[in-house]
C-alpha cells in the first residue's frame, strides 16, 4: 500500500483585475466548468474567439502547482507576505 495520503496536481488560481467576485457555491463552479466548452463553441460559430468581448484582464497567482503528502505528515505554505495556511 502506498504511503501517499494527499496528491494535488494542476492547481491554479487566477484573479480578475479590478473586479470583486461574489460568493460561489461548488455547484456554480461545476456548472460553469461543464458549460464552458459549449459557450466557446457557440462563440466560435458566431465568429468570436471564444472569449467575451468585455473580458477583463487577469493575472495568474499560481499556475500548475503540484504537491503530495504522505500519511502522518504535516506541511504548511506561505506567500510572499508571510501569510499562509497550515495543513495537518
N, C-alpha and C. Protein backbone atom coordinates (compact mmCIF):
# COMPACT_ATOMS: atom_id res chain seq x y z
N UNK A 1 0.84 -1.18 0.00
CA UNK A 1 0.00 0.00 0.00
C UNK A 1 0.88 1.25 0.00
N UNK A 2 0.48 2.25 -0.69
CA UNK A 2 1.24 3.49 -0.82
C UNK A 2 1.13 4.33 0.45
N UNK A 3 2.20 5.06 0.76
CA UNK A 3 2.17 5.98 1.89
C UNK A 3 1.62 7.34 1.50
N UNK A 4 1.21 7.49 0.26
CA UNK A 4 0.68 8.75 -0.23
C UNK A 4 -0.74 8.96 0.30
N UNK A 5 -0.95 10.09 0.98
CA UNK A 5 -2.27 10.39 1.54
C UNK A 5 -3.01 11.45 0.73
N UNK A 6 -2.29 12.46 0.27
CA UNK A 6 -2.90 13.55 -0.49
C UNK A 6 -2.02 13.86 -1.68
N UNK A 7 -2.64 13.99 -2.85
CA UNK A 7 -1.90 14.39 -4.05
C UNK A 7 -2.73 15.45 -4.78
N UNK A 8 -2.11 16.55 -5.12
CA UNK A 8 -2.76 17.63 -5.85
C UNK A 8 -1.93 17.91 -7.09
N UNK A 9 -2.58 18.01 -8.23
CA UNK A 9 -1.88 18.29 -9.48
C UNK A 9 -2.65 19.35 -10.26
N UNK A 10 -1.92 20.21 -10.92
CA UNK A 10 -2.54 21.20 -11.80
C UNK A 10 -3.35 22.26 -11.09
N UNK A 11 -3.02 22.59 -9.85
CA UNK A 11 -3.75 23.60 -9.10
C UNK A 11 -3.37 24.99 -9.63
N UNK A 12 -4.36 25.86 -9.79
CA UNK A 12 -4.11 27.20 -10.29
C UNK A 12 -5.07 28.18 -9.64
N UNK A 13 -4.66 29.43 -9.56
CA UNK A 13 -5.51 30.49 -9.05
C UNK A 13 -5.33 31.71 -9.94
N UNK A 14 -6.44 32.20 -10.46
CA UNK A 14 -6.42 33.34 -11.37
C UNK A 14 -7.30 34.45 -10.79
N UNK A 15 -6.82 35.68 -10.85
CA UNK A 15 -7.59 36.82 -10.38
C UNK A 15 -7.98 37.70 -11.55
N UNK A 16 -9.19 38.23 -11.50
CA UNK A 16 -9.64 39.23 -12.47
C UNK A 16 -9.30 40.59 -11.89
N UNK A 17 -8.53 41.35 -12.62
CA UNK A 17 -8.06 42.65 -12.13
C UNK A 17 -9.22 43.64 -12.13
N UNK A 18 -9.41 44.28 -10.97
CA UNK A 18 -10.43 45.32 -10.86
C UNK A 18 -11.84 44.82 -10.60
N UNK A 19 -12.02 43.54 -10.33
CA UNK A 19 -13.36 43.02 -10.07
C UNK A 19 -13.40 42.32 -8.73
N UNK A 20 -14.51 42.44 -8.07
CA UNK A 20 -14.75 41.72 -6.83
C UNK A 20 -15.70 40.59 -7.15
N UNK A 21 -15.33 39.39 -6.72
CA UNK A 21 -16.16 38.23 -7.03
C UNK A 21 -17.06 37.90 -5.85
N UNK A 22 -18.31 37.63 -6.15
CA UNK A 22 -19.25 37.26 -5.10
C UNK A 22 -19.08 35.78 -4.73
N UNK A 23 -19.71 35.38 -3.66
CA UNK A 23 -19.62 34.00 -3.20
C UNK A 23 -20.15 33.06 -4.26
N UNK A 24 -19.44 31.95 -4.47
CA UNK A 24 -19.87 30.94 -5.45
C UNK A 24 -19.86 29.59 -4.76
N UNK A 25 -20.95 28.90 -4.88
CA UNK A 25 -21.04 27.55 -4.33
C UNK A 25 -20.35 26.56 -5.29
N UNK A 26 -20.04 25.39 -4.79
CA UNK A 26 -19.41 24.37 -5.61
C UNK A 26 -20.25 24.05 -6.84
N UNK A 27 -21.55 24.03 -6.69
CA UNK A 27 -22.42 23.72 -7.84
C UNK A 27 -22.28 24.76 -8.94
N UNK A 28 -22.05 26.04 -8.57
CA UNK A 28 -21.85 27.09 -9.56
C UNK A 28 -20.56 26.87 -10.34
N UNK A 29 -19.50 26.50 -9.64
CA UNK A 29 -18.22 26.25 -10.27
C UNK A 29 -18.29 25.05 -11.20
N UNK A 30 -18.94 23.98 -10.76
CA UNK A 30 -19.07 22.77 -11.58
C UNK A 30 -19.92 23.08 -12.81
N UNK A 31 -21.01 23.78 -12.63
CA UNK A 31 -21.87 24.14 -13.76
C UNK A 31 -21.12 24.97 -14.79
N UNK A 32 -20.35 25.95 -14.34
CA UNK A 32 -19.57 26.78 -15.27
C UNK A 32 -18.54 25.94 -16.02
N UNK A 33 -17.88 25.02 -15.31
CA UNK A 33 -16.86 24.18 -15.95
C UNK A 33 -17.47 23.27 -17.01
N UNK A 34 -18.66 22.74 -16.75
CA UNK A 34 -19.31 21.83 -17.69
C UNK A 34 -19.83 22.58 -18.91
N UNK A 35 -20.34 23.78 -18.71
CA UNK A 35 -20.94 24.52 -19.83
C UNK A 35 -19.93 25.37 -20.61
N UNK A 36 -18.72 25.58 -20.08
CA UNK A 36 -17.73 26.44 -20.76
C UNK A 36 -17.40 25.97 -22.18
N UNK A 37 -17.15 24.68 -22.43
CA UNK A 37 -16.84 24.27 -23.81
C UNK A 37 -17.98 24.60 -24.79
N UNK A 38 -19.21 24.47 -24.34
CA UNK A 38 -20.35 24.77 -25.20
C UNK A 38 -20.43 26.26 -25.50
N UNK A 39 -20.13 27.10 -24.50
CA UNK A 39 -20.12 28.55 -24.73
C UNK A 39 -19.03 28.93 -25.73
N UNK A 40 -17.86 28.29 -25.62
CA UNK A 40 -16.76 28.58 -26.56
C UNK A 40 -17.11 28.17 -27.99
N UNK A 41 -17.73 27.01 -28.14
CA UNK A 41 -18.13 26.54 -29.47
C UNK A 41 -19.16 27.49 -30.06
N UNK A 42 -20.14 27.87 -29.26
CA UNK A 42 -21.17 28.79 -29.74
C UNK A 42 -20.56 30.13 -30.17
N UNK A 43 -19.61 30.64 -29.37
CA UNK A 43 -18.96 31.90 -29.71
C UNK A 43 -18.14 31.76 -30.99
N UNK A 44 -17.45 30.63 -31.15
CA UNK A 44 -16.65 30.41 -32.37
C UNK A 44 -17.54 30.33 -33.60
N UNK A 45 -18.68 29.67 -33.47
CA UNK A 45 -19.61 29.56 -34.59
C UNK A 45 -20.22 30.91 -34.96
N UNK A 46 -20.29 31.79 -33.99
CA UNK A 46 -20.83 33.12 -34.24
C UNK A 46 -19.75 34.11 -34.65
N UNK A 47 -18.52 33.62 -34.88
CA UNK A 47 -17.45 34.47 -35.37
C UNK A 47 -16.59 35.09 -34.29
N UNK A 48 -16.74 34.66 -33.06
CA UNK A 48 -15.90 35.20 -31.98
C UNK A 48 -14.67 34.35 -31.77
N UNK A 49 -13.87 34.75 -30.79
CA UNK A 49 -12.66 34.00 -30.49
C UNK A 49 -12.82 33.11 -29.26
N UNK A 50 -14.03 33.00 -28.72
CA UNK A 50 -14.27 32.15 -27.57
C UNK A 50 -14.24 32.88 -26.24
N UNK A 51 -13.81 34.14 -26.26
CA UNK A 51 -13.81 34.94 -25.04
C UNK A 51 -14.83 36.06 -25.19
N UNK A 52 -15.50 36.44 -24.11
CA UNK A 52 -16.45 37.54 -24.20
C UNK A 52 -15.77 38.83 -24.63
N UNK A 53 -16.51 39.68 -25.32
CA UNK A 53 -15.95 40.93 -25.81
C UNK A 53 -15.54 41.84 -24.66
N UNK A 54 -16.21 41.75 -23.54
CA UNK A 54 -15.92 42.61 -22.40
C UNK A 54 -15.06 41.89 -21.36
N UNK A 55 -14.22 40.96 -21.78
CA UNK A 55 -13.38 40.20 -20.86
C UNK A 55 -12.42 41.14 -20.15
N UNK A 56 -12.28 40.95 -18.84
CA UNK A 56 -11.39 41.78 -18.05
C UNK A 56 -10.00 41.17 -18.00
N UNK A 57 -8.99 41.99 -17.79
CA UNK A 57 -7.63 41.46 -17.70
C UNK A 57 -7.49 40.56 -16.47
N UNK A 58 -6.65 39.56 -16.58
CA UNK A 58 -6.45 38.63 -15.48
C UNK A 58 -4.97 38.47 -15.17
N UNK A 59 -4.69 37.95 -13.98
CA UNK A 59 -3.33 37.65 -13.58
C UNK A 59 -3.34 36.29 -12.88
N UNK A 60 -2.36 35.47 -13.20
CA UNK A 60 -2.24 34.16 -12.56
C UNK A 60 -1.39 34.30 -11.31
N UNK A 61 -1.96 33.98 -10.15
CA UNK A 61 -1.21 33.99 -8.91
C UNK A 61 -0.45 32.68 -8.75
N UNK A 62 -1.08 31.59 -9.11
CA UNK A 62 -0.48 30.25 -9.09
C UNK A 62 -0.87 29.56 -10.38
N UNK A 63 0.03 28.74 -10.89
CA UNK A 63 -0.30 28.00 -12.11
C UNK A 63 0.46 26.69 -12.12
N UNK A 64 -0.27 25.61 -12.34
CA UNK A 64 0.28 24.26 -12.46
C UNK A 64 1.11 23.86 -11.24
N UNK A 65 0.49 23.97 -10.06
CA UNK A 65 1.14 23.61 -8.80
C UNK A 65 0.94 22.12 -8.55
N UNK A 66 1.99 21.47 -8.08
CA UNK A 66 1.97 20.04 -7.78
C UNK A 66 2.39 19.86 -6.33
N UNK A 67 1.68 19.05 -5.59
CA UNK A 67 2.00 18.80 -4.20
C UNK A 67 1.55 17.40 -3.82
N UNK A 68 2.30 16.78 -2.91
CA UNK A 68 1.87 15.50 -2.38
C UNK A 68 2.36 15.38 -0.95
N UNK A 69 1.63 14.63 -0.17
CA UNK A 69 1.95 14.46 1.23
C UNK A 69 1.65 13.03 1.64
N UNK A 70 2.52 12.47 2.45
CA UNK A 70 2.33 11.11 2.93
C UNK A 70 1.50 11.06 4.19
N UNK A 71 1.21 9.86 4.63
CA UNK A 71 0.46 9.68 5.86
C UNK A 71 1.25 10.19 7.04
N UNK A 72 0.52 10.75 8.00
CA UNK A 72 1.10 11.25 9.26
C UNK A 72 2.16 12.32 9.03
N UNK A 73 2.05 13.05 7.94
CA UNK A 73 2.96 14.16 7.64
C UNK A 73 2.18 15.46 7.75
N UNK A 74 2.86 16.52 8.03
CA UNK A 74 2.22 17.83 8.04
C UNK A 74 3.01 18.76 7.14
N UNK A 75 2.34 19.75 6.61
CA UNK A 75 3.00 20.72 5.75
C UNK A 75 2.33 22.06 5.91
N UNK A 76 3.02 23.10 5.47
CA UNK A 76 2.48 24.45 5.53
C UNK A 76 2.92 25.19 4.28
N UNK A 77 2.14 26.17 3.90
CA UNK A 77 2.51 27.00 2.76
C UNK A 77 2.34 28.46 3.16
N UNK A 78 3.19 29.31 2.62
CA UNK A 78 3.07 30.73 2.92
C UNK A 78 3.38 31.54 1.67
N UNK A 79 2.84 32.72 1.61
CA UNK A 79 3.06 33.59 0.47
C UNK A 79 4.19 34.58 0.73
N UNK A 80 4.34 35.51 -0.17
CA UNK A 80 5.42 36.49 -0.07
C UNK A 80 5.29 37.36 1.17
N UNK A 81 4.08 37.56 1.65
CA UNK A 81 3.87 38.40 2.83
C UNK A 81 4.02 37.63 4.12
N UNK A 82 4.24 36.33 4.02
CA UNK A 82 4.38 35.51 5.22
C UNK A 82 3.07 34.93 5.70
N UNK A 83 1.98 35.34 5.10
CA UNK A 83 0.70 34.77 5.46
C UNK A 83 0.57 33.42 4.80
N UNK A 84 -0.04 32.50 5.48
CA UNK A 84 -0.18 31.18 4.88
C UNK A 84 -1.18 30.32 5.61
N UNK A 85 -1.27 29.10 5.18
CA UNK A 85 -2.19 28.14 5.76
C UNK A 85 -1.39 26.92 6.21
N UNK A 86 -1.66 26.48 7.40
CA UNK A 86 -1.03 25.24 7.88
C UNK A 86 -1.97 24.08 7.59
N UNK A 87 -1.42 23.01 7.15
CA UNK A 87 -2.19 21.81 6.86
C UNK A 87 -1.63 20.69 7.71
N UNK A 88 -2.51 19.98 8.35
CA UNK A 88 -2.06 18.86 9.19
C UNK A 88 -2.66 17.56 8.73
